[in-house]
Amino acid sequence: IAAFALLREHWSHVAGYWPYLLLLVCPLMHLFHGHGGHGDHQHHGSENDKKN
């Protein structure tokens, strides 16, 4: 609620920084969302290696 009230009161200041905020968010999204996640999706070896 406090963040909404702060944005509402100071929207003219925040609106001028949107392009810079988007440029800052892009690398952060790639850094935190682009490397793995929760599961290991890389397949090492073949199916025969797993059976032996």
PDB file of N, CA and C in Angstrom:
ATOM      1  N   ILE A   1       0.841  -1.190   0.000  1.00  0.00           N
ATOM      2  CA  ILE A   1       0.000   0.000   0.000  1.00  0.00           C
ATOM      3  C   ILE A   1       0.884   1.249   0.000  1.00  0.00           C
ATOM      4  N   ALA A   2       1.961   1.192   0.757  1.00  0.00           N
ATOM      5  CA  ALA A   2       2.855   2.348   0.829  1.00  0.00           C
ATOM      6  C   ALA A   2       3.521   2.619  -0.518  1.00  0.00           C
ATOM      7  N   ALA A   3       3.898   1.552  -1.230  1.00  0.00           N
ATOM      8  CA  ALA A   3       4.525   1.737  -2.545  1.00  0.00           C
ATOM      9  C   ALA A   3       3.551   2.371  -3.527  1.00  0.00           C
ATOM     10  N   PHE A   4       2.286   1.952  -3.475  1.00  0.00           N
ATOM     11  CA  PHE A   4       1.274   2.543  -4.354  1.00  0.00           C
ATOM     12  C   PHE A   4       1.094   4.028  -4.051  1.00  0.00           C
ATOM     13  N   ALA A   5       1.008   4.372  -2.786  1.00  0.00           N
ATOM     14  CA  ALA A   5       0.840   5.774  -2.403  1.00  0.00           C
ATOM     15  C   ALA A   5       2.056   6.602  -2.811  1.00  0.00           C
ATOM     16  N   LEU A   6       3.238   6.041  -2.648  1.00  0.00           N
ATOM     17  CA  LEU A   6       4.458   6.745  -3.030  1.00  0.00           C
ATOM     18  C   LEU A   6       4.511   6.965  -4.537  1.00  0.00           C
ATOM     19  N   LEU A   7       4.157   5.927  -5.309  1.00  0.00           N
ATOM     20  CA  LEU A   7       4.137   6.074  -6.769  1.00  0.00           C
ATOM     21  C   LEU A   7       3.093   7.082  -7.219  1.00  0.00           C
ATOM     22  N   ARG A   8       1.951   7.066  -6.578  1.00  0.00           N
ATOM     23  CA  ARG A   8       0.886   7.985  -6.975  1.00  0.00           C
ATOM     24  C   ARG A   8       1.294   9.434  -6.745  1.00  0.00           C
ATOM     25  N   GLU A   9       1.981   9.688  -5.654  1.00  0.00           N
ATOM     26  CA  GLU A   9       2.380  11.051  -5.330  1.00  0.00           C
ATOM     27  C   GLU A   9       3.561  11.534  -6.173  1.00  0.00           C
ATOM     28  N   HIS A  10       4.442  10.630  -6.547  1.00  0.00           N
ATOM     29  CA  HIS A  10       5.667  11.020  -7.236  1.00  0.00           C
ATOM     30  C   HIS A  10       5.739  10.450  -8.648  1.00  0.00           C
ATOM     31  N   TRP A  11       4.592  10.249  -9.289  1.00  0.00           N
ATOM     32  CA  TRP A  11       4.557   9.623 -10.606  1.00  0.00           C
ATOM     33  C   TRP A  11       5.326  10.426 -11.654  1.00  0.00           C
ATOM     34  N   SER A  12       5.294  11.739 -11.582  1.00  0.00           N
ATOM     35  CA  SER A  12       5.985  12.551 -12.590  1.00  0.00           C
ATOM     36  C   SER A  12       7.500  12.336 -12.535  1.00  0.00           C
ATOM     37  N   HIS A  13       8.037  12.082 -11.352  1.00  0.00           N
ATOM     38  CA  HIS A  13       9.468  11.813 -11.236  1.00  0.00           C
ATOM     39  C   HIS A  13       9.797  10.414 -11.741  1.00  0.00           C
ATOM     40  N   VAL A  14       8.962   9.455 -11.399  1.00  0.00           N
ATOM     41  CA  VAL A  14       9.205   8.060 -11.777  1.00  0.00           C
ATOM     42  C   VAL A  14       9.056   7.870 -13.280  1.00  0.00           C
ATOM     43  N   ALA A  15       8.099   8.549 -13.896  1.00  0.00           N
ATOM     44  CA  ALA A  15       7.832   8.370 -15.323  1.00  0.00           C
ATOM     45  C   ALA A  15       9.033   8.762 -16.179  1.00  0.00           C
ATOM     46  N   GLY A  16       9.833   9.684 -15.730  1.00  0.00           N
ATOM     47  CA  GLY A  16      11.012  10.084 -16.486  1.00  0.00           C
ATOM     48  C   GLY A  16      12.119   9.048 -16.483  1.00  0.00           C
ATOM     49  N   TYR A  17      12.087   8.142 -15.507  1.00  0.00           N
ATOM     50  CA  TYR A  17      13.138   7.134 -15.386  1.00  0.00           C
ATOM     51  C   TYR A  17      12.764   5.784 -15.990  1.00  0.00           C
ATOM     52  N   TRP A  18      11.580   5.630 -16.592  1.00  0.00           N
ATOM     53  CA  TRP A  18      11.148   4.340 -17.134  1.00  0.00           C
ATOM     54  C   TRP A  18      12.124   3.743 -18.138  1.00  0.00           C
ATOM     55  N   PRO A  19      12.642   4.503 -19.107  1.00  0.00           N
ATOM     56  CA  PRO A  19      13.591   3.881 -20.052  1.00  0.00           C
ATOM     57  C   PRO A  19      14.833   3.332 -19.354  1.00  0.00           C
ATOM     58  N   TYR A  20      15.322   4.051 -18.360  1.00  0.00           N
ATOM     59  CA  TYR A  20      16.506   3.590 -17.643  1.00  0.00           C
ATOM     60  C   TYR A  20      16.188   2.370 -16.779  1.00  0.00           C
ATOM     61  N   LEU A  21      15.014   2.351 -16.188  1.00  0.00           N
ATOM     62  CA  LEU A  21      14.620   1.197 -15.383  1.00  0.00           C
ATOM     63  C   LEU A  21      14.464  -0.048 -16.240  1.00  0.00           C
ATOM     64  N   LEU A  22      13.903   0.101 -17.438  1.00  0.00           N
ATOM     65  CA  LEU A  22      13.774  -1.044 -18.341  1.00  0.00           C
ATOM     66  C   LEU A  22      15.142  -1.561 -18.767  1.00  0.00           C
ATOM     67  N   LEU A  23      16.062  -0.660 -19.050  1.00  0.00           N
ATOM     68  CA  LEU A  23      17.412  -1.089 -19.418  1.00  0.00           C
ATOM     69  C   LEU A  23      18.118  -1.774 -18.258  1.00  0.00           C
ATOM     70  N   LEU A  24      17.810  -1.401 -17.056  1.00  0.00           N
ATOM     71  CA  LEU A  24      18.398  -2.040 -15.886  1.00  0.00           C
ATOM     72  C   LEU A  24      17.757  -3.397 -15.610  1.00  0.00           C
ATOM     73  N   VAL A  25      16.464  -3.507 -15.843  1.00  0.00           N
ATOM     74  CA  VAL A  25      15.746  -4.742 -15.546  1.00  0.00           C
ATOM     75  C   VAL A  25      16.108  -5.855 -16.531  1.00  0.00           C
ATOM     76  N   CYS A  26      16.363  -5.520 -17.793  1.00  0.00           N
ATOM     77  CA  CYS A  26      16.667  -6.550 -18.795  1.00  0.00           C
ATOM     78  C   CYS A  26      17.858  -7.428 -18.400  1.00  0.00           C
ATOM     79  N   PRO A  27      19.009  -6.867 -18.072  1.00  0.00           N
ATOM     80  CA  PRO A  27      20.120  -7.738 -17.675  1.00  0.00           C
ATOM     81  C   PRO A  27      19.841  -8.501 -16.384  1.00  0.00           C
ATOM     82  N   LEU A  28      19.106  -7.888 -15.474  1.00  0.00           N
ATOM     83  CA  LEU A  28      18.786  -8.591 -14.231  1.00  0.00           C
ATOM     84  C   LEU A  28      17.886  -9.787 -14.486  1.00  0.00           C
ATOM     85  N   MET A  29      16.929  -9.639 -15.401  1.00  0.00           N
ATOM     86  CA  MET A  29      16.055 -10.763 -15.741  1.00  0.00           C
ATOM     87  C   MET A  29      16.861 -11.888 -16.388  1.00  0.00           C
ATOM     88  N   HIS A  30      17.783 -11.546 -17.270  1.00  0.00           N
ATOM     89  CA  HIS A  30      18.619 -12.565 -17.894  1.00  0.00           C
ATOM     90  C   HIS A  30      19.515 -13.236 -16.858  1.00  0.00           C
ATOM     91  N   LEU A  31      19.998 -12.478 -15.918  1.00  0.00           N
ATOM     92  CA  LEU A  31      20.884 -13.026 -14.901  1.00  0.00           C
ATOM     93  C   LEU A  31      20.152 -14.001 -13.988  1.00  0.00           C
ATOM     94  N   PHE A  32      18.957 -13.634 -13.538  1.00  0.00           N
ATOM     95  CA  PHE A  32      18.249 -14.460 -12.568  1.00  0.00           C
ATOM     96  C   PHE A  32      17.352 -15.520 -13.192  1.00  0.00           C
ATOM     97  N   HIS A  33      16.897 -15.333 -14.427  1.00  0.00           N
ATOM     98  CA  HIS A  33      15.965 -16.280 -15.030  1.00  0.00           C
ATOM     99  C   HIS A  33      16.582 -17.094 -16.155  1.00  0.00           C
ATOM    100  N   GLY A  34      17.763 -16.773 -16.595  1.00  0.00           N
ATOM    101  CA  GLY A  34      18.309 -17.438 -17.758  1.00  0.00           C
ATOM    102  C   GLY A  34      19.259 -18.573 -17.471  1.00  0.00           C
ATOM    103  N   HIS A  35      19.619 -18.802 -16.222  1.00  0.00           N
ATOM    104  CA  HIS A  35      20.639 -19.800 -15.924  1.00  0.00           C
ATOM    105  C   HIS A  35      20.091 -20.926 -15.061  1.00  0.00           C
ATOM    106  N   GLY A  36      19.336 -21.815 -15.649  1.00  0.00           N
ATOM    107  CA  GLY A  36      18.958 -23.021 -14.936  1.00  0.00           C
ATOM    108  C   GLY A  36      17.539 -23.039 -14.437  1.00  0.00           C
ATOM    109  N   GLY A  37      17.311 -22.524 -13.305  1.00  0.00           N
ATOM    110  CA  GLY A  37      16.001 -22.643 -12.694  1.00  0.00           C
ATOM    111  C   GLY A  37      16.044 -23.714 -11.623  1.00  0.00           C
ATOM    112  N   HIS A  38      14.941 -24.424 -11.451  1.00  0.00           N
ATOM    113  CA  HIS A  38      14.854 -25.418 -10.385  1.00  0.00           C
ATOM    114  C   HIS A  38      15.313 -26.799 -10.817  1.00  0.00           C
ATOM    115  N   GLY A  39      15.181 -27.147 -12.076  1.00  0.00           N
ATOM    116  CA  GLY A  39      15.515 -28.490 -12.527  1.00  0.00           C
ATOM    117  C   GLY A  39      16.722 -28.507 -13.435  1.00  0.00           C
ATOM    118  N   ASP A  40      17.322 -29.687 -13.552  1.00  0.00           N
ATOM    119  CA  ASP A  40      18.457 -29.854 -14.458  1.00  0.00           C
ATOM    120  C   ASP A  40      17.928 -30.363 -15.782  1.00  0.00           C
ATOM    121  N   HIS A  41      17.922 -29.503 -16.788  1.00  0.00           N
ATOM    122  CA  HIS A  41      17.353 -29.861 -18.077  1.00  0.00           C
ATOM    123  C   HIS A  41      18.416 -30.310 -19.065  1.00  0.00           C
ATOM    124  N   GLN A  42      19.644 -30.415 -18.639  1.00  0.00           N
ATOM    125  CA  GLN A  42      20.709 -30.861 -19.527  1.00  0.00           C
ATOM    126  C   GLN A  42      20.822 -32.370 -19.412  1.00  0.00           C
ATOM    127  N   HIS A  43      20.955 -33.028 -20.548  1.00  0.00           N
ATOM    128  CA  HIS A  43      21.057 -34.486 -20.576  1.00  0.00           C
ATOM    129  C   HIS A  43      22.509 -34.862 -20.821  1.00  0.00           C
ATOM    130  N   HIS A  44      23.113 -35.508 -19.849  1.00  0.00           N
ATOM    131  CA  HIS A  44      24.499 -35.942 -19.967  1.00  0.00           C
ATOM    132  C   HIS A  44      24.501 -37.451 -20.179  1.00  0.00           C
ATOM    133  N   GLY A  45      25.164 -37.904 -21.223  1.00  0.00           N
ATOM    134  CA  GLY A  45      25.222 -39.327 -21.499  1.00  0.00           C
ATOM    135  C   GLY A  45      24.012 -39.793 -22.278  1.00  0.00           C
ATOM    136  N   SER A  46      23.998 -41.077 -22.588  1.00  0.00           N
ATOM    137  CA  SER A  46      22.886 -41.643 -23.344  1.00  0.00           C
ATOM    138  C   SER A  46      22.026 -42.498 -22.428  1.00  0.00           C
ATOM    139  N   GLU A  47      20.964 -43.020 -22.974  1.00  0.00           N
ATOM    140  CA  GLU A  47      20.063 -43.874 -22.193  1.00  0.00           C
ATOM    141  C   GLU A  47      20.756 -45.168 -21.782  1.00  0.00           C
ATOM    142  N   ASN A  48      21.671 -45.682 -22.617  1.00  0.00           N
ATOM    143  CA  ASN A  48      22.384 -46.916 -22.279  1.00  0.00           C
ATOM    144  C   ASN A  48      23.295 -46.717 -21.078  1.00  0.00           C
ATOM    145  N   ASP A  49      23.882 -45.542 -20.945  1.00  0.00           N
ATOM    146  CA  ASP A  49      24.739 -45.265 -19.796  1.00  0.00           C
ATOM    147  C   ASP A  49      23.940 -45.265 -18.502  1.00  0.00           C
ATOM    148  N   LYS A  50      22.711 -44.831 -18.552  1.00  0.00           N
ATOM    149  CA  LYS A  50      21.878 -44.780 -17.353  1.00  0.00           C
ATOM    150  C   LYS A  50      21.420 -46.171 -16.924  1.00  0.00           C
ATOM    151  N   LYS A  51      21.257 -47.090 -17.882  1.00  0.00           N
ATOM    152  CA  LYS A  51      20.783 -48.439 -17.561  1.00  0.00           C
ATOM    153  C   LYS A  51      21.884 -49.281 -16.937  1.00  0.00           C
ATOM    154  N   ASN A  52      23.142 -49.025 -17.281  1.00  0.00           N
ATOM    155  CA  ASN A  52      24.243 -49.855 -16.783  1.00  0.00           C
ATOM    156  C   ASN A  52      24.698 -49.425 -15.447  1.00  0.00           C
TER     157      ASN A  52
END
